[in-house]
Amino acid sequence: MANITYQVNQTINDWSVIGHYMKLVEEEPTIDRKIATTNIMKDLELVKQL
């Protein structure tokens, strides 16, 4: 049961990251994948520090 809960939570986290990526690209249409990925990595590092 715990494994299923983990998988569901991980799926939600994965979609959150994808949603964040899409939001970055939508907010700045001129942004390319490399810059968006770099921004996401920076944001994830900040979240890990909380």
PDB file of N, CA and C in Angstrom:
ATOM      1  N   MET A   1       0.823  -1.201   0.000  1.00  0.00           N
ATOM      2  CA  MET A   1       0.000   0.000   0.000  1.00  0.00           C
ATOM      3  C   MET A   1       0.867   1.264   0.000  1.00  0.00           C
ATOM      4  N   ALA A   2       1.920   1.253   0.809  1.00  0.00           N
ATOM      5  CA  ALA A   2       2.800   2.420   0.866  1.00  0.00           C
ATOM      6  C   ALA A   2       3.449   2.679  -0.486  1.00  0.00           C
ATOM      7  N   ASN A   3       3.777   1.595  -1.205  1.00  0.00           N
ATOM      8  CA  ASN A   3       4.402   1.748  -2.513  1.00  0.00           C
ATOM      9  C   ASN A   3       3.452   2.424  -3.498  1.00  0.00           C
ATOM     10  N   ILE A   4       2.173   2.064  -3.438  1.00  0.00           N
ATOM     11  CA  ILE A   4       1.181   2.683  -4.325  1.00  0.00           C
ATOM     12  C   ILE A   4       1.054   4.168  -4.002  1.00  0.00           C
ATOM     13  N   THR A   5       1.025   4.496  -2.711  1.00  0.00           N
ATOM     14  CA  THR A   5       0.942   5.898  -2.298  1.00  0.00           C
ATOM     15  C   THR A   5       2.151   6.664  -2.806  1.00  0.00           C
ATOM     16  N   TYR A   6       3.328   6.061  -2.681  1.00  0.00           N
ATOM     17  CA  TYR A   6       4.545   6.708  -3.176  1.00  0.00           C
ATOM     18  C   TYR A   6       4.454   6.949  -4.677  1.00  0.00           C
ATOM     19  N   GLN A   7       3.997   5.946  -5.421  1.00  0.00           N
ATOM     20  CA  GLN A   7       3.902   6.076  -6.874  1.00  0.00           C
ATOM     21  C   GLN A   7       2.931   7.180  -7.263  1.00  0.00           C
ATOM     22  N   VAL A   8       1.807   7.266  -6.567  1.00  0.00           N
ATOM     23  CA  VAL A   8       0.827   8.321  -6.857  1.00  0.00           C
ATOM     24  C   VAL A   8       1.433   9.685  -6.561  1.00  0.00           C
ATOM     25  N   ASN A   9       2.080   9.815  -5.401  1.00  0.00           N
ATOM     26  CA  ASN A   9       2.705  11.089  -5.050  1.00  0.00           C
ATOM     27  C   ASN A   9       3.807  11.448  -6.032  1.00  0.00           C
ATOM     28  N   GLN A  10       4.587  10.465  -6.474  1.00  0.00           N
ATOM     29  CA  GLN A  10       5.658  10.727  -7.430  1.00  0.00           C
ATOM     30  C   GLN A  10       5.080  11.179  -8.762  1.00  0.00           C
ATOM     31  N   THR A  11       3.975  10.570  -9.182  1.00  0.00           N
ATOM     32  CA  THR A  11       3.325  10.968 -10.430  1.00  0.00           C
ATOM     33  C   THR A  11       2.852  12.413 -10.337  1.00  0.00           C
ATOM     34  N   ILE A  12       2.272  12.770  -9.194  1.00  0.00           N
ATOM     35  CA  ILE A  12       1.828  14.157  -8.992  1.00  0.00           C
ATOM     36  C   ILE A  12       3.021  15.094  -9.059  1.00  0.00           C
ATOM     37  N   ASN A  13       4.119  14.730  -8.416  1.00  0.00           N
ATOM     38  CA  ASN A  13       5.327  15.558  -8.456  1.00  0.00           C
ATOM     39  C   ASN A  13       5.853  15.693  -9.873  1.00  0.00           C
ATOM     40  N   ASP A  14       5.858  14.594 -10.623  1.00  0.00           N
ATOM     41  CA  ASP A  14       6.324  14.637 -12.009  1.00  0.00           C
ATOM     42  C   ASP A  14       5.468  15.594 -12.831  1.00  0.00           C
ATOM     43  N   TRP A  15       4.150  15.526 -12.668  1.00  0.00           N
ATOM     44  CA  TRP A  15       3.260  16.414 -13.421  1.00  0.00           C
ATOM     45  C   TRP A  15       3.457  17.852 -12.993  1.00  0.00           C
ATOM     46  N   SER A  16       3.765  18.087 -11.713  1.00  0.00           N
ATOM     47  CA  SER A  16       4.011  19.447 -11.242  1.00  0.00           C
ATOM     48  C   SER A  16       5.235  20.033 -11.930  1.00  0.00           C
ATOM     49  N   VAL A  17       6.274  19.225 -12.080  1.00  0.00           N
ATOM     50  CA  VAL A  17       7.491  19.685 -12.756  1.00  0.00           C
ATOM     51  C   VAL A  17       7.192  19.970 -14.225  1.00  0.00           C
ATOM     52  N   ILE A  18       6.442  19.075 -14.863  1.00  0.00           N
ATOM     53  CA  ILE A  18       6.078  19.285 -16.265  1.00  0.00           C
ATOM     54  C   ILE A  18       5.233  20.552 -16.399  1.00  0.00           C
ATOM     55  N   GLY A  19       4.288  20.732 -15.484  1.00  0.00           N
ATOM     56  CA  GLY A  19       3.446  21.931 -15.507  1.00  0.00           C
ATOM     57  C   GLY A  19       4.267  23.191 -15.325  1.00  0.00           C
ATOM     58  N   HIS A  20       5.244  23.140 -14.435  1.00  0.00           N
ATOM     59  CA  HIS A  20       6.124  24.287 -14.200  1.00  0.00           C
ATOM     60  C   HIS A  20       6.930  24.599 -15.459  1.00  0.00           C
ATOM     61  N   TYR A  21       7.422  23.569 -16.110  1.00  0.00           N
ATOM     62  CA  TYR A  21       8.185  23.726 -17.352  1.00  0.00           C
ATOM     63  C   TYR A  21       7.318  24.399 -18.413  1.00  0.00           C
ATOM     64  N   MET A  22       6.089  23.893 -18.569  1.00  0.00           N
ATOM     65  CA  MET A  22       5.187  24.452 -19.574  1.00  0.00           C
ATOM     66  C   MET A  22       4.856  25.907 -19.248  1.00  0.00           C
ATOM     67  N   LYS A  23       4.689  26.214 -17.964  1.00  0.00           N
ATOM     68  CA  LYS A  23       4.390  27.582 -17.547  1.00  0.00           C
ATOM     69  C   LYS A  23       5.545  28.513 -17.900  1.00  0.00           C
ATOM     70  N   LEU A  24       6.773  28.059 -17.661  1.00  0.00           N
ATOM     71  CA  LEU A  24       7.937  28.875 -18.015  1.00  0.00           C
ATOM     72  C   LEU A  24       7.961  29.181 -19.505  1.00  0.00           C
ATOM     73  N   VAL A  25       7.690  28.168 -20.311  1.00  0.00           N
ATOM     74  CA  VAL A  25       7.736  28.341 -21.764  1.00  0.00           C
ATOM     75  C   VAL A  25       6.592  29.246 -22.227  1.00  0.00           C
ATOM     76  N   GLU A  26       5.413  29.110 -21.605  1.00  0.00           N
ATOM     77  CA  GLU A  26       4.270  29.946 -21.985  1.00  0.00           C
ATOM     78  C   GLU A  26       4.484  31.399 -21.585  1.00  0.00           C
ATOM     79  N   GLU A  27       5.071  31.624 -20.407  1.00  0.00           N
ATOM     80  CA  GLU A  27       5.282  32.989 -19.927  1.00  0.00           C
ATOM     81  C   GLU A  27       6.338  33.711 -20.755  1.00  0.00           C
ATOM     82  N   GLU A  28       7.313  32.979 -21.226  1.00  0.00           N
ATOM     83  CA  GLU A  28       8.385  33.575 -22.020  1.00  0.00           C
ATOM     84  C   GLU A  28       8.524  32.784 -23.315  1.00  0.00           C
ATOM     85  N   PRO A  29       7.734  33.147 -24.340  1.00  0.00           N
ATOM     86  CA  PRO A  29       7.745  32.371 -25.586  1.00  0.00           C
ATOM     87  C   PRO A  29       9.123  32.293 -26.249  1.00  0.00           C
ATOM     88  N   THR A  30       9.982  33.254 -25.961  1.00  0.00           N
ATOM     89  CA  THR A  30      11.299  33.250 -26.591  1.00  0.00           C
ATOM     90  C   THR A  30      12.284  32.334 -25.872  1.00  0.00           C
ATOM     91  N   ILE A  31      11.865  31.814 -24.714  1.00  0.00           N
ATOM     92  CA  ILE A  31      12.756  30.939 -23.939  1.00  0.00           C
ATOM     93  C   ILE A  31      12.940  29.616 -24.689  1.00  0.00           C
ATOM     94  N   ASP A  32      14.135  29.101 -24.679  1.00  0.00           N
ATOM     95  CA  ASP A  32      14.342  27.807 -25.336  1.00  0.00           C
ATOM     96  C   ASP A  32      14.406  26.706 -24.277  1.00  0.00           C
ATOM     97  N   ARG A  33      14.444  25.481 -24.736  1.00  0.00           N
ATOM     98  CA  ARG A  33      14.411  24.337 -23.813  1.00  0.00           C
ATOM     99  C   ARG A  33      15.573  24.345 -22.838  1.00  0.00           C
ATOM    100  N   LYS A  34      16.748  24.702 -23.325  1.00  0.00           N
ATOM    101  CA  LYS A  34      17.935  24.673 -22.465  1.00  0.00           C
ATOM    102  C   LYS A  34      17.792  25.665 -21.308  1.00  0.00           C
ATOM    103  N   ILE A  35      17.336  26.865 -21.613  1.00  0.00           N
ATOM    104  CA  ILE A  35      17.165  27.879 -20.570  1.00  0.00           C
ATOM    105  C   ILE A  35      16.045  27.472 -19.617  1.00  0.00           C
ATOM    106  N   ALA A  36      14.935  26.959 -20.161  1.00  0.00           N
ATOM    107  CA  ALA A  36      13.819  26.527 -19.313  1.00  0.00           C
ATOM    108  C   ALA A  36      14.265  25.409 -18.376  1.00  0.00           C
ATOM    109  N   THR A  37      15.041  24.463 -18.902  1.00  0.00           N
ATOM    110  CA  THR A  37      15.532  23.355 -18.081  1.00  0.00           C
ATOM    111  C   THR A  37      16.448  23.877 -16.978  1.00  0.00           C
ATOM    112  N   THR A  38      17.309  24.821 -17.313  1.00  0.00           N
ATOM    113  CA  THR A  38      18.202  25.421 -16.316  1.00  0.00           C
ATOM    114  C   THR A  38      17.392  26.113 -15.226  1.00  0.00           C
ATOM    115  N   ASN A  39      16.358  26.845 -15.628  1.00  0.00           N
ATOM    116  CA  ASN A  39      15.513  27.531 -14.647  1.00  0.00           C
ATOM    117  C   ASN A  39      14.810  26.541 -13.734  1.00  0.00           C
ATOM    118  N   ILE A  40      14.325  25.446 -14.297  1.00  0.00           N
ATOM    119  CA  ILE A  40      13.655  24.424 -13.486  1.00  0.00           C
ATOM    120  C   ILE A  40      14.632  23.809 -12.497  1.00  0.00           C
ATOM    121  N   MET A  41      15.844  23.518 -12.945  1.00  0.00           N
ATOM    122  CA  MET A  41      16.837  22.925 -12.053  1.00  0.00           C
ATOM    123  C   MET A  41      17.141  23.873 -10.889  1.00  0.00           C
ATOM    124  N   LYS A  42      17.238  25.164 -11.170  1.00  0.00           N
ATOM    125  CA  LYS A  42      17.471  26.147 -10.105  1.00  0.00           C
ATOM    126  C   LYS A  42      16.301  26.160  -9.128  1.00  0.00           C
ATOM    127  N   ASP A  43      15.072  26.136  -9.671  1.00  0.00           N
ATOM    128  CA  ASP A  43      13.887  26.135  -8.813  1.00  0.00           C
ATOM    129  C   ASP A  43      13.831  24.883  -7.950  1.00  0.00           C
ATOM    130  N   LEU A  44      14.170  23.728  -8.529  1.00  0.00           N
ATOM    131  CA  LEU A  44      14.153  22.482  -7.765  1.00  0.00           C
ATOM    132  C   LEU A  44      15.192  22.501  -6.653  1.00  0.00           C
ATOM    133  N   GLU A  45      16.346  23.092  -6.915  1.00  0.00           N
ATOM    134  CA  GLU A  45      17.373  23.211  -5.875  1.00  0.00           C
ATOM    135  C   GLU A  45      16.867  24.076  -4.722  1.00  0.00           C
ATOM    136  N   LEU A  46      16.153  25.154  -5.049  1.00  0.00           N
ATOM    137  CA  LEU A  46      15.598  26.011  -4.002  1.00  0.00           C
ATOM    138  C   LEU A  46      14.561  25.259  -3.174  1.00  0.00           C
ATOM    139  N   VAL A  47      13.732  24.463  -3.831  1.00  0.00           N
ATOM    140  CA  VAL A  47      12.709  23.690  -3.123  1.00  0.00           C
ATOM    141  C   VAL A  47      13.359  22.668  -2.199  1.00  0.00           C
ATOM    142  N   LYS A  48      14.432  22.023  -2.656  1.00  0.00           N
ATOM    143  CA  LYS A  48      15.113  21.022  -1.834  1.00  0.00           C
ATOM    144  C   LYS A  48      15.702  21.651  -0.578  1.00  0.00           C
ATOM    145  N   GLN A  49      16.054  22.927  -0.638  1.00  0.00           N
ATOM    146  CA  GLN A  49      16.654  23.600   0.507  1.00  0.00           C
ATOM    147  C   GLN A  49      15.623  23.963   1.569  1.00  0.00           C
ATOM    148  N   LEU A  50      14.336  23.960   1.210  1.00  0.00           N
ATOM    149  CA  LEU A  50      13.288  24.335   2.179  1.00  0.00           C
ATOM    150  C   LEU A  50      13.101  23.308   3.243  1.00  0.00           C
TER     151      LEU A  50
END
